[in-house]
């Protein structure tokens, strides 16, 4: 297992703003990669109630189990690689492997045996370096919906926030709050 602190800023975009950013940063269709996020929680959403999210990210033939937990600044992400067989088994209702993430979930007083697969969000993603961080352009589809999002992943909060808001101002893109992908997915699934 490896862990990292995720500090990122997000802004929902219109399709036109998304295309404006593609032109501004000279991003072509070939720069995009497809990834799928498969989301899990207990039937009573105990992970969500702890501010956590659990997913398998499928990208380039690899499968990574990630648990996101609140941290003082940003989110603490714990990652474990899975085999394709383990990932498919978990999606079909099997058990999470008894490794570090399993133990973290147990430490939250959540029974890992209760985890259930809720669905998949697909994202076409392009990344470019920007001002000591990574700028991410995402076009996501899930449950008959689609959205466009700009993310800015950084190591330092204040500098990252200033750079992000300055970019939006430069391109005349309004600041829009953006829930994280798992929250948008669950809202679409259950708030119909």
C-alpha atoms as a PDB file:
ATOM      1  CA  UNK A   1       0.000   0.000   0.000  1.00  0.00           C
ATOM      2  CA  UNK A   2       1.132   3.526  -0.619  1.00  0.00           C
ATOM      3  CA  UNK A   3      -0.402   6.725   0.690  1.00  0.00           C
ATOM      4  CA  UNK A   4      -0.416  10.310  -0.498  1.00  0.00           C
ATOM      5  CA  UNK A   5      -2.021  13.582   0.463  1.00  0.00           C
ATOM      6  CA  UNK A   6      -4.305  14.899  -2.272  1.00  0.00           C
ATOM      7  CA  UNK A   7      -4.720  18.672  -2.479  1.00  0.00           C
ATOM      8  CA  UNK A   8      -6.792  19.708  -5.447  1.00  0.00           C
ATOM      9  CA  UNK A   9      -9.103  22.448  -6.619  1.00  0.00           C
ATOM     10  CA  UNK A  10     -12.110  21.750  -8.825  1.00  0.00           C
ATOM     11  CA  UNK A  11     -14.437  23.712 -11.052  1.00  0.00           C
ATOM     12  CA  UNK A  12     -17.338  22.429 -13.136  1.00  0.00           C
ATOM     13  CA  UNK A  13     -17.220  23.611 -16.738  1.00  0.00           C
ATOM     14  CA  UNK A  14     -19.603  24.022 -19.619  1.00  0.00           C
ATOM     15  CA  UNK A  15     -18.726  22.123 -22.782  1.00  0.00           C
ATOM     16  CA  UNK A  16     -17.679  25.434 -24.362  1.00  0.00           C
ATOM     17  CA  UNK A  17     -15.344  26.269 -21.465  1.00  0.00           C
ATOM     18  CA  UNK A  18     -13.891  22.764 -21.651  1.00  0.00           C
ATOM     19  CA  UNK A  19     -13.143  23.270 -25.349  1.00  0.00           C
ATOM     20  CA  UNK A  20     -11.683  26.713 -24.586  1.00  0.00           C
ATOM     21  CA  UNK A  21      -9.230  25.096 -22.155  1.00  0.00           C
ATOM     22  CA  UNK A  22      -8.311  22.435 -24.700  1.00  0.00           C
ATOM     23  CA  UNK A  23      -7.399  25.166 -27.193  1.00  0.00           C
ATOM     24  CA  UNK A  24      -5.603  27.305 -24.594  1.00  0.00           C
ATOM     25  CA  UNK A  25      -3.341  24.416 -23.526  1.00  0.00           C
ATOM     26  CA  UNK A  26      -3.067  22.834 -27.013  1.00  0.00           C
ATOM     27  CA  UNK A  27      -4.614  19.548 -25.870  1.00  0.00           C
ATOM     28  CA  UNK A  28      -5.695  17.160 -28.615  1.00  0.00           C
ATOM     29  CA  UNK A  29      -7.937  14.116 -28.615  1.00  0.00           C
ATOM     30  CA  UNK A  30      -4.831  11.873 -28.519  1.00  0.00           C
ATOM     31  CA  UNK A  31      -3.896  13.385 -25.128  1.00  0.00           C
ATOM     32  CA  UNK A  32      -6.942  11.846 -23.442  1.00  0.00           C
ATOM     33  CA  UNK A  33      -7.011   8.500 -21.650  1.00  0.00           C
ATOM     34  CA  UNK A  34     -10.065   6.570 -20.489  1.00  0.00           C
ATOM     35  CA  UNK A  35     -10.406   5.519 -16.867  1.00  0.00           C
ATOM     36  CA  UNK A  36     -13.272   3.912 -14.998  1.00  0.00           C
ATOM     37  CA  UNK A  37     -14.065   4.440 -11.323  1.00  0.00           C
ATOM     38  CA  UNK A  38     -16.053   1.611  -9.720  1.00  0.00           C
ATOM     39  CA  UNK A  39     -17.590   2.846  -6.434  1.00  0.00           C
ATOM     40  CA  UNK A  40     -18.256   0.921  -3.211  1.00  0.00           C
ATOM     41  CA  UNK A  41     -19.853   1.609   0.156  1.00  0.00           C
ATOM     42  CA  UNK A  42     -22.025  -0.242   2.639  1.00  0.00           C
ATOM     43  CA  UNK A  43     -25.798  -0.268   1.999  1.00  0.00           C
ATOM     44  CA  UNK A  44     -26.179   2.360   4.774  1.00  0.00           C
ATOM     45  CA  UNK A  45     -23.274   4.479   3.407  1.00  0.00           C
ATOM     46  CA  UNK A  46     -21.035   4.150   6.440  1.00  0.00           C
ATOM     47  CA  UNK A  47     -17.932   5.152   4.468  1.00  0.00           C
ATOM     48  CA  UNK A  48     -19.650   8.319   3.221  1.00  0.00           C
ATOM     49  CA  UNK A  49     -20.768   9.107   6.784  1.00  0.00           C
ATOM     50  CA  UNK A  50     -17.085   9.036   7.808  1.00  0.00           C
ATOM     51  CA  UNK A  51     -16.238  11.385   4.916  1.00  0.00           C
ATOM     52  CA  UNK A  52     -14.567   8.499   3.043  1.00  0.00           C
ATOM     53  CA  UNK A  53     -14.867   7.058  -0.450  1.00  0.00           C
ATOM     54  CA  UNK A  54     -13.767   3.688  -1.816  1.00  0.00           C
ATOM     55  CA  UNK A  55     -13.189   2.946  -5.481  1.00  0.00           C
ATOM     56  CA  UNK A  56     -11.391   0.715  -7.912  1.00  0.00           C
ATOM     57  CA  UNK A  57      -9.797   2.737 -10.709  1.00  0.00           C
ATOM     58  CA  UNK A  58      -9.379   0.796 -13.926  1.00  0.00           C
ATOM     59  CA  UNK A  59      -6.879   2.418 -16.299  1.00  0.00           C
ATOM     60  CA  UNK A  60      -4.515   1.040 -18.945  1.00  0.00           C
ATOM     61  CA  UNK A  61      -5.266  -2.546 -17.902  1.00  0.00           C
ATOM     62  CA  UNK A  62      -4.395  -1.915 -14.250  1.00  0.00           C
ATOM     63  CA  UNK A  63      -6.688  -1.891 -11.232  1.00  0.00           C
ATOM     64  CA  UNK A  64      -6.018   0.206  -8.120  1.00  0.00           C
ATOM     65  CA  UNK A  65      -8.162   0.080  -4.973  1.00  0.00           C
ATOM     66  CA  UNK A  66      -8.225   3.538  -3.347  1.00  0.00           C
ATOM     67  CA  UNK A  67      -9.666   4.658  -0.036  1.00  0.00           C
ATOM     68  CA  UNK A  68      -9.974   8.428   0.394  1.00  0.00           C
ATOM     69  CA  UNK A  69     -10.192   9.803   3.936  1.00  0.00           C
ATOM     70  CA  UNK A  70     -10.431  13.362   5.266  1.00  0.00           C
ATOM     71  CA  UNK A  71      -7.132  14.996   6.260  1.00  0.00           C
ATOM     72  CA  UNK A  72      -6.297  18.372   7.800  1.00  0.00           C
ATOM     73  CA  UNK A  73      -5.627  19.721   4.310  1.00  0.00           C
ATOM     74  CA  UNK A  74      -7.060  17.754   1.398  1.00  0.00           C
ATOM     75  CA  UNK A  75      -7.610  14.009   1.459  1.00  0.00           C
ATOM     76  CA  UNK A  76      -5.433  11.092   2.491  1.00  0.00           C
ATOM     77  CA  UNK A  77      -5.451   8.507  -0.292  1.00  0.00           C
ATOM     78  CA  UNK A  78      -4.462   4.902   0.397  1.00  0.00           C
ATOM     79  CA  UNK A  79      -3.779   2.800  -2.716  1.00  0.00           C
ATOM     80  CA  UNK A  80      -3.423  -0.951  -3.249  1.00  0.00           C
ATOM     81  CA  UNK A  81      -2.973  -2.665  -6.615  1.00  0.00           C
ATOM     82  CA  UNK A  82      -5.454  -5.403  -7.500  1.00  0.00           C
ATOM     83  CA  UNK A  83      -5.336  -8.104 -10.103  1.00  0.00           C
ATOM     84  CA  UNK A  84      -8.067  -8.064 -12.740  1.00  0.00           C
ATOM     85  CA  UNK A  85      -9.516 -11.161 -11.065  1.00  0.00           C
ATOM     86  CA  UNK A  86      -9.637  -9.470  -7.636  1.00  0.00           C
ATOM     87  CA  UNK A  87     -11.247  -6.337  -9.112  1.00  0.00           C
ATOM     88  CA  UNK A  88     -13.891  -8.311 -11.017  1.00  0.00           C
ATOM     89  CA  UNK A  89     -14.589 -10.439  -7.935  1.00  0.00           C
ATOM     90  CA  UNK A  90     -15.111  -7.341  -5.778  1.00  0.00           C
ATOM     91  CA  UNK A  91     -17.451  -5.783  -8.367  1.00  0.00           C
ATOM     92  CA  UNK A  92     -19.463  -9.028  -8.430  1.00  0.00           C
ATOM     93  CA  UNK A  93     -19.919  -8.891  -4.638  1.00  0.00           C
ATOM     94  CA  UNK A  94     -16.757 -10.602  -3.448  1.00  0.00           C
ATOM     95  CA  UNK A  95     -14.612  -9.650  -0.493  1.00  0.00           C
ATOM     96  CA  UNK A  96     -12.114  -6.809  -0.387  1.00  0.00           C
ATOM     97  CA  UNK A  97      -8.597  -8.304  -0.026  1.00  0.00           C
ATOM     98  CA  UNK A  98      -7.492  -8.541   3.633  1.00  0.00           C
ATOM     99  CA  UNK A  99      -4.689  -6.033   3.336  1.00  0.00           C
ATOM    100  CA  UNK A 100      -4.056  -2.499   4.603  1.00  0.00           C
ATOM    101  CA  UNK A 101      -7.225  -0.857   3.224  1.00  0.00           C
ATOM    102  CA  UNK A 102      -9.296  -3.681   4.721  1.00  0.00           C
ATOM    103  CA  UNK A 103      -7.682  -2.942   8.103  1.00  0.00           C
ATOM    104  CA  UNK A 104      -8.280   0.819   7.800  1.00  0.00           C
ATOM    105  CA  UNK A 105     -11.972   0.201   7.087  1.00  0.00           C
ATOM    106  CA  UNK A 106     -12.207  -2.151  10.082  1.00  0.00           C
ATOM    107  CA  UNK A 107     -10.543   0.524  12.253  1.00  0.00           C
ATOM    108  CA  UNK A 108     -13.421   2.853  11.296  1.00  0.00           C
ATOM    109  CA  UNK A 109     -15.769   0.237  12.862  1.00  0.00           C
ATOM    110  CA  UNK A 110     -17.140  -0.670   9.434  1.00  0.00           C
ATOM    111  CA  UNK A 111     -17.503  -4.308   8.460  1.00  0.00           C
ATOM    112  CA  UNK A 112     -15.639  -4.739   5.132  1.00  0.00           C
ATOM    113  CA  UNK A 113     -17.912  -7.729   4.410  1.00  0.00           C
ATOM    114  CA  UNK A 114     -20.790  -5.254   4.017  1.00  0.00           C
ATOM    115  CA  UNK A 115     -19.207  -3.395   1.088  1.00  0.00           C
ATOM    116  CA  UNK A 116     -21.357  -3.278  -2.026  1.00  0.00           C
ATOM    117  CA  UNK A 117     -20.665  -2.163  -5.603  1.00  0.00           C
ATOM    118  CA  UNK A 118     -22.848   0.806  -6.584  1.00  0.00           C
ATOM    119  CA  UNK A 119     -21.779   1.535 -10.145  1.00  0.00           C
ATOM    120  CA  UNK A 120     -19.212   2.995 -12.511  1.00  0.00           C
ATOM    121  CA  UNK A 121     -18.264   6.483 -13.668  1.00  0.00           C
ATOM    122  CA  UNK A 122     -16.202   6.717 -16.876  1.00  0.00           C
ATOM    123  CA  UNK A 123     -13.836   9.627 -17.425  1.00  0.00           C
ATOM    124  CA  UNK A 124     -11.893  10.742 -20.455  1.00  0.00           C
ATOM    125  CA  UNK A 125      -8.920  12.588 -18.898  1.00  0.00           C
ATOM    126  CA  UNK A 126      -6.073  14.787 -20.104  1.00  0.00           C
ATOM    127  CA  UNK A 127      -3.326  16.098 -17.814  1.00  0.00           C
ATOM    128  CA  UNK A 128      -0.854  18.938 -18.355  1.00  0.00           C
ATOM    129  CA  UNK A 129       1.798  20.429 -16.065  1.00  0.00           C
ATOM    130  CA  UNK A 130       0.828  23.903 -14.854  1.00  0.00           C
ATOM    131  CA  UNK A 131       2.527  26.229 -12.339  1.00  0.00           C
ATOM    132  CA  UNK A 132       4.148  23.521 -10.160  1.00  0.00           C
ATOM    133  CA  UNK A 133       1.056  21.339 -10.270  1.00  0.00           C
ATOM    134  CA  UNK A 134      -0.989  19.206 -12.652  1.00  0.00           C
ATOM    135  CA  UNK A 135      -3.999  20.572 -14.490  1.00  0.00           C
ATOM    136  CA  UNK A 136      -6.599  17.883 -15.248  1.00  0.00           C
ATOM    137  CA  UNK A 137      -9.421  18.158 -17.784  1.00  0.00           C
ATOM    138  CA  UNK A 138     -12.153  15.541 -17.282  1.00  0.00           C
ATOM    139  CA  UNK A 139     -15.209  14.627 -19.342  1.00  0.00           C
ATOM    140  CA  UNK A 140     -17.220  12.144 -17.270  1.00  0.00           C
ATOM    141  CA  UNK A 141     -20.257  10.015 -18.095  1.00  0.00           C
ATOM    142  CA  UNK A 142     -22.389   8.140 -15.585  1.00  0.00           C
ATOM    143  CA  UNK A 143     -26.004   7.021 -15.236  1.00  0.00           C
ATOM    144  CA  UNK A 144     -27.125   8.871 -18.379  1.00  0.00           C
ATOM    145  CA  UNK A 145     -25.396  12.105 -17.326  1.00  0.00           C
ATOM    146  CA  UNK A 146     -22.228  13.817 -18.436  1.00  0.00           C
ATOM    147  CA  UNK A 147     -20.169  16.656 -17.032  1.00  0.00           C
ATOM    148  CA  UNK A 148     -16.973  18.579 -17.646  1.00  0.00           C
ATOM    149  CA  UNK A 149     -14.538  19.461 -14.908  1.00  0.00           C
ATOM    150  CA  UNK A 150     -11.233  21.202 -14.358  1.00  0.00           C
ATOM    151  CA  UNK A 151      -9.030  19.942 -11.503  1.00  0.00           C
ATOM    152  CA  UNK A 152      -5.730  21.351 -10.319  1.00  0.00           C
ATOM    153  CA  UNK A 153      -3.581  18.995  -8.226  1.00  0.00           C
ATOM    154  CA  UNK A 154      -0.905  20.685  -6.112  1.00  0.00           C
ATOM    155  CA  UNK A 155       1.393  20.134  -3.156  1.00  0.00           C
ATOM    156  CA  UNK A 156       0.833  23.501  -1.469  1.00  0.00           C
ATOM    157  CA  UNK A 157      -2.666  24.797  -0.755  1.00  0.00           C
ATOM    158  CA  UNK A 158      -2.296  28.604  -0.802  1.00  0.00           C
ATOM    159  CA  UNK A 159      -0.129  28.819  -3.912  1.00  0.00           C
ATOM    160  CA  UNK A 160      -2.351  26.275  -5.691  1.00  0.00           C
ATOM    161  CA  UNK A 161      -5.521  28.139  -4.834  1.00  0.00           C
ATOM    162  CA  UNK A 162      -4.083  31.435  -6.116  1.00  0.00           C
ATOM    163  CA  UNK A 163      -2.884  29.840  -9.378  1.00  0.00           C
ATOM    164  CA  UNK A 164      -6.212  28.100  -9.932  1.00  0.00           C
ATOM    165  CA  UNK A 165      -8.381  31.179  -9.394  1.00  0.00           C
ATOM    166  CA  UNK A 166      -6.038  33.296 -11.521  1.00  0.00           C
ATOM    167  CA  UNK A 167      -6.363  30.839 -14.411  1.00  0.00           C
ATOM    168  CA  UNK A 168     -10.169  30.916 -14.177  1.00  0.00           C
ATOM    169  CA  UNK A 169     -10.078  34.725 -14.099  1.00  0.00           C
ATOM    170  CA  UNK A 170      -7.685  34.896 -17.080  1.00  0.00           C
ATOM    171  CA  UNK A 171      -9.998  32.695 -19.160  1.00  0.00           C
ATOM    172  CA  UNK A 172     -13.164  34.396 -17.874  1.00  0.00           C
ATOM    173  CA  UNK A 173     -14.544  31.132 -16.485  1.00  0.00           C
ATOM    174  CA  UNK A 174     -16.943  31.604 -13.543  1.00  0.00           C
ATOM    175  CA  UNK A 175     -16.101  29.884 -10.275  1.00  0.00           C
ATOM    176  CA  UNK A 176     -18.494  26.964  -9.788  1.00  0.00           C
ATOM    177  CA  UNK A 177     -18.441  24.585  -6.895  1.00  0.00           C
ATOM    178  CA  UNK A 178     -17.767  20.998  -7.869  1.00  0.00           C
ATOM    179  CA  UNK A 179     -18.593  18.089  -5.634  1.00  0.00           C
ATOM    180  CA  UNK A 180     -16.145  15.229  -6.053  1.00  0.00           C
ATOM    181  CA  UNK A 181     -16.986  12.543  -8.600  1.00  0.00           C
ATOM    182  CA  UNK A 182     -18.268   9.992  -6.109  1.00  0.00           C
ATOM    183  CA  UNK A 183     -20.718  12.524  -4.637  1.00  0.00           C
ATOM    184  CA  UNK A 184     -21.934  13.497  -8.106  1.00  0.00           C
ATOM    185  CA  UNK A 185     -22.316   9.820  -8.969  1.00  0.00           C
ATOM    186  CA  UNK A 186     -24.337   9.033  -5.826  1.00  0.00           C
ATOM    187  CA  UNK A 187     -26.480  12.151  -6.288  1.00  0.00           C
ATOM    188  CA  UNK A 188     -27.350  11.029  -9.801  1.00  0.00           C
ATOM    189  CA  UNK A 189     -28.035   7.465  -8.618  1.00  0.00           C
ATOM    190  CA  UNK A 190     -30.232   8.243  -5.618  1.00  0.00           C
ATOM    191  CA  UNK A 191     -31.683  11.745  -6.136  1.00  0.00           C
ATOM    192  CA  UNK A 192     -33.624  10.942  -9.284  1.00  0.00           C
END
